[in-house]
Amino acid sequence: HYSYIRHAQTFTAESDHQILGVNLRLWKRNFPGIVTASLTNIDANEKPLPPALAIGTINGDLLSETHPGEWAFTPLIPYNLIKTIQYAIVLQTQDPRLYWAAGPYYGYPGHHHWISVDAGATWFDNPWHLFFQVWGQPLF
């Protein structure tokens, strides 16, 4: 069942700040319906670790059908990120024809693009990094 497919990208918080959403470069080939993005901690192997710290959704049916897609902002429940701590952005959809743009040189060393086909029970590392932006505000 396709709702078990997950893509995740790890990142390190560059400062103490509150995350308010993520911008993901996405496109579709069908009508994926509701797309869920979540923020998680990572485990000792740098894989996503439930439960979600913050979660948000967008309507995937409204995304571009043209490669390489468009930036899609997904608001998240606000969560305070701590500088130098690694987190994961996890994307879940019910249709495998929703695509998150990736490239071999977009990421940075020490971070991972993970793929799971069993709802996050197991994760496989992909050498290409996913295109994302973290949006937030400073902690005062």
N, C-alpha and C. Protein backbone atom coordinates (compact mmCIF):
# COMPACT_ATOMS: atom_id res chain seq x y z
N HIS A 1 0.85 -1.19 0.00
CA HIS A 1 0.00 0.00 0.00
C HIS A 1 0.88 1.24 0.00
N TYR A 2 0.57 2.17 -0.87
CA TYR A 2 1.45 3.32 -1.07
C TYR A 2 1.52 4.27 0.12
N SER A 3 0.54 4.25 1.01
CA SER A 3 0.59 5.17 2.15
C SER A 3 1.75 4.83 3.08
N TYR A 4 2.40 3.71 2.84
CA TYR A 4 3.53 3.33 3.67
C TYR A 4 4.85 3.91 3.16
N ILE A 5 4.84 4.57 2.00
CA ILE A 5 6.07 5.14 1.42
C ILE A 5 6.43 6.43 2.14
N ARG A 6 7.71 6.54 2.52
CA ARG A 6 8.21 7.74 3.18
C ARG A 6 9.53 8.14 2.52
N HIS A 7 9.76 9.44 2.43
CA HIS A 7 11.07 10.00 2.08
C HIS A 7 11.45 10.90 3.23
N ALA A 8 12.73 10.92 3.58
CA ALA A 8 13.19 11.77 4.68
C ALA A 8 14.53 12.38 4.32
N GLN A 9 14.75 13.59 4.80
CA GLN A 9 16.02 14.29 4.63
C GLN A 9 16.46 14.79 5.99
N THR A 10 17.69 14.43 6.39
CA THR A 10 18.21 14.93 7.66
C THR A 10 18.89 16.28 7.45
N PHE A 11 18.93 17.05 8.51
CA PHE A 11 19.60 18.36 8.49
C PHE A 11 20.01 18.71 9.91
N THR A 12 20.92 19.66 10.01
CA THR A 12 21.38 20.16 11.30
C THR A 12 20.89 21.59 11.48
N ALA A 13 20.28 21.87 12.62
CA ALA A 13 19.83 23.24 12.90
C ALA A 13 21.06 24.14 13.03
N GLU A 14 21.06 25.23 12.28
CA GLU A 14 22.20 26.15 12.29
C GLU A 14 22.14 27.16 13.42
N SER A 15 20.97 27.27 14.06
CA SER A 15 20.81 28.19 15.19
C SER A 15 19.63 27.72 16.03
N ASP A 16 19.53 28.24 17.24
CA ASP A 16 18.33 28.00 18.04
C ASP A 16 17.21 28.83 17.41
N HIS A 17 16.16 28.19 16.97
CA HIS A 17 15.04 28.92 16.39
C HIS A 17 13.78 28.05 16.40
N GLN A 18 12.67 28.69 16.12
CA GLN A 18 11.40 27.98 16.07
C GLN A 18 11.05 27.71 14.61
N ILE A 19 10.88 26.44 14.27
CA ILE A 19 10.47 26.09 12.91
C ILE A 19 8.97 26.33 12.78
N LEU A 20 8.60 26.95 11.66
CA LEU A 20 7.19 27.25 11.38
C LEU A 20 6.69 26.51 10.14
N GLY A 21 7.63 26.00 9.34
CA GLY A 21 7.25 25.28 8.14
C GLY A 21 8.46 24.87 7.33
N VAL A 22 8.21 24.10 6.29
CA VAL A 22 9.27 23.68 5.38
C VAL A 22 8.83 23.95 3.95
N ASN A 23 9.79 24.31 3.13
CA ASN A 23 9.58 24.51 1.71
C ASN A 23 10.22 23.31 1.01
N LEU A 24 9.43 22.55 0.27
CA LEU A 24 9.91 21.34 -0.39
C LEU A 24 9.67 21.48 -1.88
N ARG A 25 10.65 21.07 -2.68
CA ARG A 25 10.50 21.16 -4.15
C ARG A 25 9.80 19.88 -4.62
N LEU A 26 8.52 19.99 -4.99
CA LEU A 26 7.68 18.83 -5.29
C LEU A 26 7.01 18.95 -6.65
N TRP A 27 6.68 17.79 -7.23
CA TRP A 27 5.81 17.72 -8.41
C TRP A 27 5.10 16.38 -8.39
N LYS A 28 4.10 16.23 -9.25
CA LYS A 28 3.26 15.03 -9.23
C LYS A 28 2.98 14.53 -10.64
N ARG A 29 2.56 13.29 -10.73
CA ARG A 29 2.13 12.69 -11.99
C ARG A 29 0.70 12.18 -11.90
N ASN A 30 0.06 12.38 -10.78
CA ASN A 30 -1.30 11.89 -10.58
C ASN A 30 -1.97 12.83 -9.58
N PHE A 31 -2.84 12.33 -8.78
CA PHE A 31 -3.50 13.12 -7.74
C PHE A 31 -3.21 12.48 -6.39
N PRO A 32 -2.12 12.91 -5.75
CA PRO A 32 -1.67 12.25 -4.52
C PRO A 32 -2.50 12.58 -3.29
N GLY A 33 -3.43 13.52 -3.40
CA GLY A 33 -4.25 13.86 -2.23
C GLY A 33 -3.44 14.60 -1.18
N ILE A 34 -3.79 14.35 0.06
CA ILE A 34 -3.12 15.04 1.17
C ILE A 34 -1.70 14.49 1.34
N VAL A 35 -0.75 15.41 1.42
CA VAL A 35 0.66 15.07 1.64
C VAL A 35 1.03 15.55 3.04
N THR A 36 1.65 14.68 3.82
CA THR A 36 2.01 15.00 5.19
C THR A 36 3.51 15.17 5.31
N ALA A 37 3.91 16.29 5.90
CA ALA A 37 5.32 16.52 6.23
C ALA A 37 5.44 16.56 7.74
N SER A 38 6.50 15.96 8.26
CA SER A 38 6.71 15.99 9.70
C SER A 38 8.18 16.20 10.01
N LEU A 39 8.42 16.67 11.21
CA LEU A 39 9.76 16.86 11.74
C LEU A 39 9.96 15.82 12.82
N THR A 40 11.09 15.09 12.76
CA THR A 40 11.38 14.09 13.79
C THR A 40 12.81 14.24 14.28
N ASN A 41 13.07 13.63 15.42
CA ASN A 41 14.45 13.43 15.85
C ASN A 41 15.03 12.33 14.97
N ILE A 42 16.33 12.06 15.14
CA ILE A 42 16.95 10.94 14.44
C ILE A 42 17.54 9.99 15.48
N ASP A 43 17.72 8.72 15.08
CA ASP A 43 18.28 7.73 15.99
C ASP A 43 19.81 7.72 15.87
N ALA A 44 20.45 6.77 16.54
CA ALA A 44 21.91 6.68 16.55
C ALA A 44 22.49 6.43 15.15
N ASN A 45 21.69 5.89 14.24
CA ASN A 45 22.12 5.66 12.86
C ASN A 45 21.70 6.79 11.92
N GLU A 46 21.22 7.88 12.49
CA GLU A 46 20.80 9.08 11.75
C GLU A 46 19.56 8.85 10.90
N LYS A 47 18.72 7.89 11.29
CA LYS A 47 17.45 7.62 10.62
C LYS A 47 16.32 8.30 11.39
N PRO A 48 15.22 8.65 10.70
CA PRO A 48 14.10 9.30 11.39
C PRO A 48 13.60 8.45 12.56
N LEU A 49 13.26 9.14 13.64
CA LEU A 49 12.84 8.48 14.87
C LEU A 49 11.49 9.05 15.31
N PRO A 50 10.42 8.26 15.21
CA PRO A 50 9.12 8.74 15.69
C PRO A 50 9.17 8.95 17.20
N PRO A 51 8.24 9.73 17.72
CA PRO A 51 7.09 10.35 17.07
C PRO A 51 7.45 11.68 16.43
N ALA A 52 6.52 12.22 15.67
CA ALA A 52 6.72 13.52 15.04
C ALA A 52 6.77 14.61 16.10
N LEU A 53 7.71 15.54 15.93
CA LEU A 53 7.81 16.71 16.80
C LEU A 53 6.89 17.82 16.32
N ALA A 54 6.70 17.88 15.01
CA ALA A 54 5.81 18.86 14.38
C ALA A 54 5.28 18.23 13.10
N ILE A 55 4.09 18.61 12.71
CA ILE A 55 3.46 17.99 11.54
C ILE A 55 2.63 19.04 10.79
N GLY A 56 2.51 18.84 9.48
CA GLY A 56 1.68 19.71 8.66
C GLY A 56 1.28 18.99 7.39
N THR A 57 0.29 19.52 6.69
CA THR A 57 -0.20 18.89 5.46
C THR A 57 -0.41 19.94 4.37
N ILE A 58 -0.35 19.46 3.12
CA ILE A 58 -0.72 20.26 1.96
C ILE A 58 -1.55 19.39 1.03
N ASN A 59 -2.25 20.03 0.10
CA ASN A 59 -3.04 19.32 -0.90
C ASN A 59 -2.14 19.03 -2.10
N GLY A 60 -1.69 17.79 -2.21
CA GLY A 60 -0.80 17.40 -3.29
C GLY A 60 -1.43 17.49 -4.67
N ASP A 61 -2.76 17.48 -4.74
CA ASP A 61 -3.44 17.57 -6.03
C ASP A 61 -3.20 18.91 -6.72
N LEU A 62 -2.80 19.93 -5.95
CA LEU A 62 -2.59 21.27 -6.49
C LEU A 62 -1.16 21.52 -6.96
N LEU A 63 -0.29 20.54 -6.81
CA LEU A 63 1.12 20.70 -7.18
C LEU A 63 1.31 20.68 -8.69
N SER A 64 2.43 21.22 -9.12
CA SER A 64 2.81 21.22 -10.54
C SER A 64 2.98 19.80 -11.05
N GLU A 65 2.71 19.62 -12.34
CA GLU A 65 2.96 18.33 -12.99
C GLU A 65 4.23 18.38 -13.83
N THR A 66 4.99 19.43 -13.71
CA THR A 66 6.17 19.64 -14.52
C THR A 66 7.44 19.46 -13.70
N HIS A 67 8.36 18.65 -14.21
CA HIS A 67 9.68 18.48 -13.59
C HIS A 67 10.47 19.76 -13.81
N PRO A 68 11.21 20.32 -12.91
CA PRO A 68 11.58 19.79 -11.60
C PRO A 68 10.65 20.20 -10.47
N GLY A 69 9.44 20.60 -10.78
CA GLY A 69 8.49 20.93 -9.73
C GLY A 69 8.57 22.38 -9.29
N GLU A 70 7.93 22.64 -8.18
CA GLU A 70 7.88 23.98 -7.62
C GLU A 70 8.05 23.89 -6.11
N TRP A 71 8.45 25.01 -5.52
CA TRP A 71 8.57 25.04 -4.06
C TRP A 71 7.17 25.05 -3.46
N ALA A 72 6.91 24.10 -2.59
CA ALA A 72 5.61 23.98 -1.92
C ALA A 72 5.83 24.19 -0.43
N PHE A 73 5.25 25.26 0.11
CA PHE A 73 5.40 25.55 1.53
C PHE A 73 4.40 24.73 2.33
N THR A 74 4.90 24.04 3.34
CA THR A 74 4.06 23.26 4.24
C THR A 74 4.19 23.84 5.63
N PRO A 75 3.15 24.50 6.15
CA PRO A 75 3.23 25.01 7.52
C PRO A 75 3.25 23.84 8.50
N LEU A 76 4.04 23.99 9.54
CA LEU A 76 4.14 22.97 10.58
C LEU A 76 3.68 23.56 11.91
N ILE A 77 3.27 22.70 12.81
CA ILE A 77 3.04 23.14 14.19
C ILE A 77 4.39 23.65 14.69
N PRO A 78 4.47 24.86 15.24
CA PRO A 78 5.76 25.41 15.67
C PRO A 78 6.49 24.49 16.66
N TYR A 79 7.81 24.41 16.48
CA TYR A 79 8.65 23.59 17.36
C TYR A 79 10.01 24.26 17.47
N ASN A 80 10.59 24.26 18.65
CA ASN A 80 11.88 24.90 18.88
C ASN A 80 13.03 23.96 18.51
N LEU A 81 13.84 24.37 17.53
CA LEU A 81 15.03 23.62 17.13
C LEU A 81 16.23 24.11 17.92
N ILE A 82 17.14 23.20 18.22
CA ILE A 82 18.34 23.52 18.99
C ILE A 82 19.56 23.46 18.07
N LYS A 83 20.38 24.50 18.12
CA LYS A 83 21.58 24.60 17.28
C LYS A 83 22.44 23.34 17.43
N THR A 84 22.95 22.86 16.31
CA THR A 84 23.84 21.70 16.15
C THR A 84 23.13 20.34 16.30
N ILE A 85 21.85 20.33 16.59
CA ILE A 85 21.12 19.06 16.70
C ILE A 85 20.60 18.67 15.32
N GLN A 86 20.70 17.37 14.99
CA GLN A 86 20.19 16.88 13.71
C GLN A 86 18.73 16.45 13.86
N TYR A 87 17.97 16.76 12.82
CA TYR A 87 16.56 16.39 12.74
C TYR A 87 16.31 15.78 11.36
N ALA A 88 15.10 15.28 11.15
CA ALA A 88 14.70 14.77 9.83
C ALA A 88 13.36 15.38 9.44
N ILE A 89 13.25 15.73 8.16
CA ILE A 89 11.97 16.10 7.56
C ILE A 89 11.48 14.84 6.86
N VAL A 90 10.28 14.39 7.19
CA VAL A 90 9.72 13.16 6.64
C VAL A 90 8.48 13.50 5.82
N LEU A 91 8.42 12.99 4.59
CA LEU A 91 7.28 13.24 3.70
C LEU A 91 6.54 11.93 3.46
N GLN A 92 5.22 11.98 3.63
CA GLN A 92 4.39 10.80 3.42
C GLN A 92 3.27 11.14 2.45
N THR A 93 3.00 10.22 1.52
CA THR A 93 1.92 10.40 0.56
C THR A 93 1.25 9.06 0.29
N GLN A 94 0.06 9.13 -0.28
CA GLN A 94 -0.65 7.90 -0.63
C GLN A 94 -0.44 7.49 -2.08
N ASP A 95 0.37 8.24 -2.81
CA ASP A 95 0.59 7.93 -4.22
C ASP A 95 2.09 7.99 -4.51
N PRO A 96 2.65 6.95 -5.11
CA PRO A 96 4.09 6.94 -5.37
C PRO A 96 4.51 7.92 -6.47
N ARG A 97 3.55 8.54 -7.13
CA ARG A 97 3.90 9.47 -8.21
C ARG A 97 3.93 10.92 -7.75
N LEU A 98 4.18 11.10 -6.46
CA LEU A 98 4.52 12.42 -5.94
C LEU A 98 6.04 12.42 -5.80
N TYR A 99 6.69 13.43 -6.33
CA TYR A 99 8.15 13.43 -6.37
C TYR A 99 8.71 14.62 -5.60
N TRP A 100 9.78 14.36 -4.86
CA TRP A 100 10.51 15.38 -4.11
C TRP A 100 11.84 15.53 -4.83
N ALA A 101 12.10 16.70 -5.40
CA ALA A 101 13.30 16.91 -6.21
C ALA A 101 14.56 16.64 -5.39
N ALA A 102 15.52 16.01 -6.06
CA ALA A 102 16.78 15.65 -5.41
C ALA A 102 17.93 15.85 -6.39
N GLY A 103 19.11 15.93 -5.86
CA GLY A 103 20.29 16.07 -6.69
C GLY A 103 21.52 15.59 -5.96
N PRO A 104 22.55 15.17 -6.71
CA PRO A 104 23.74 14.61 -6.06
C PRO A 104 24.58 15.66 -5.35
N TYR A 105 24.42 16.92 -5.67
CA TYR A 105 25.28 17.95 -5.09
C TYR A 105 24.52 18.94 -4.23
N TYR A 106 23.23 18.74 -4.04
CA TYR A 106 22.43 19.72 -3.30
C TYR A 106 22.71 19.67 -1.80
N GLY A 107 22.93 18.49 -1.28
CA GLY A 107 23.09 18.33 0.17
C GLY A 107 24.46 18.71 0.66
N TYR A 108 24.72 18.30 1.85
CA TYR A 108 26.02 18.56 2.44
C TYR A 108 26.45 17.32 3.21
N PRO A 109 27.76 17.12 3.39
CA PRO A 109 28.27 15.89 4.00
C PRO A 109 27.67 15.63 5.38
N GLY A 110 27.48 14.36 5.67
CA GLY A 110 27.00 13.96 6.99
C GLY A 110 25.50 13.96 7.14
N HIS A 111 24.77 14.15 6.06
CA HIS A 111 23.31 14.15 6.11
C HIS A 111 22.79 13.14 5.10
N HIS A 112 21.54 12.71 5.28
CA HIS A 112 21.03 11.58 4.51
C HIS A 112 19.65 11.85 3.92
N HIS A 113 19.43 11.24 2.75
CA HIS A 113 18.10 11.11 2.15
C HIS A 113 17.72 9.65 2.38
N TRP A 114 16.71 9.43 3.19
CA TRP A 114 16.25 8.09 3.51
C TRP A 114 14.96 7.78 2.77
N ILE A 115 14.78 6.51 2.40
CA ILE A 115 13.54 6.04 1.78
C ILE A 115 13.05 4.83 2.56
N SER A 116 11.74 4.81 2.85
CA SER A 116 11.13 3.67 3.52
C SER A 116 9.90 3.26 2.72
N VAL A 117 9.72 1.96 2.53
CA VAL A 117 8.53 1.45 1.84
C VAL A 117 7.62 0.68 2.79
N ASP A 118 7.93 0.75 4.10
CA ASP A 118 7.14 0.03 5.09
C ASP A 118 6.79 0.91 6.29
N ALA A 119 6.39 2.15 5.99
CA ALA A 119 5.93 3.10 7.01
C ALA A 119 6.99 3.46 8.03
N GLY A 120 8.26 3.38 7.64
CA GLY A 120 9.33 3.79 8.53
C GLY A 120 9.90 2.68 9.40
N ALA A 121 9.48 1.45 9.19
CA ALA A 121 10.04 0.34 9.98
C ALA A 121 11.51 0.11 9.60
N THR A 122 11.81 0.23 8.30
CA THR A 122 13.20 0.16 7.83
C THR A 122 13.44 1.32 6.87
N TRP A 123 14.69 1.79 6.84
CA TRP A 123 15.06 2.92 6.00
C TRP A 123 16.28 2.56 5.16
N PHE A 124 16.29 3.04 3.90
CA PHE A 124 17.40 2.82 2.99
C PHE A 124 18.00 4.17 2.61
N ASP A 125 19.33 4.26 2.64
CA ASP A 125 20.02 5.51 2.34
C ASP A 125 20.10 5.71 0.83
N ASN A 126 19.86 6.93 0.39
CA ASN A 126 19.95 7.31 -1.01
C ASN A 126 21.03 8.38 -1.12
N PRO A 127 21.97 8.27 -2.07
CA PRO A 127 23.07 9.24 -2.13
C PRO A 127 22.65 10.64 -2.58
N TRP A 128 21.47 10.78 -3.18
CA TRP A 128 21.02 12.10 -3.62
C TRP A 128 20.31 12.79 -2.48
N HIS A 129 20.53 14.10 -2.35
CA HIS A 129 19.90 14.87 -1.28
C HIS A 129 18.66 15.59 -1.80
N LEU A 130 17.66 15.70 -0.94
CA LEU A 130 16.39 16.32 -1.30
C LEU A 130 16.44 17.83 -1.16
N PHE A 131 15.71 18.53 -2.02
CA PHE A 131 15.68 20.00 -2.00
C PHE A 131 14.67 20.45 -0.95
N PHE A 132 15.15 21.22 0.03
CA PHE A 132 14.28 21.69 1.11
C PHE A 132 14.80 23.00 1.68
N GLN A 133 13.92 23.71 2.33
CA GLN A 133 14.26 24.91 3.09
C GLN A 133 13.48 24.86 4.40
N VAL A 134 14.14 25.23 5.49
CA VAL A 134 13.48 25.31 6.79
C VAL A 134 13.12 26.77 7.04
N TRP A 135 11.87 27.03 7.37
CA TRP A 135 11.40 28.39 7.65
C TRP A 135 11.04 28.50 9.12
N GLY A 136 11.43 29.62 9.72
CA GLY A 136 11.11 29.81 11.13
C GLY A 136 11.42 31.21 11.60
N GLN A 137 11.54 31.33 12.90
CA GLN A 137 11.84 32.62 13.52
C GLN A 137 12.79 32.41 14.68
N PRO A 138 13.59 33.44 15.01
CA PRO A 138 14.53 33.30 16.12
C PRO A 138 13.81 33.13 17.45
N LEU A 139 14.50 32.47 18.36
CA LEU A 139 13.98 32.38 19.73
C LEU A 139 14.45 33.62 20.48
N PHE A 140 13.57 34.26 21.19
CA PHE A 140 13.94 35.47 21.94
C PHE A 140 14.05 35.16 23.40
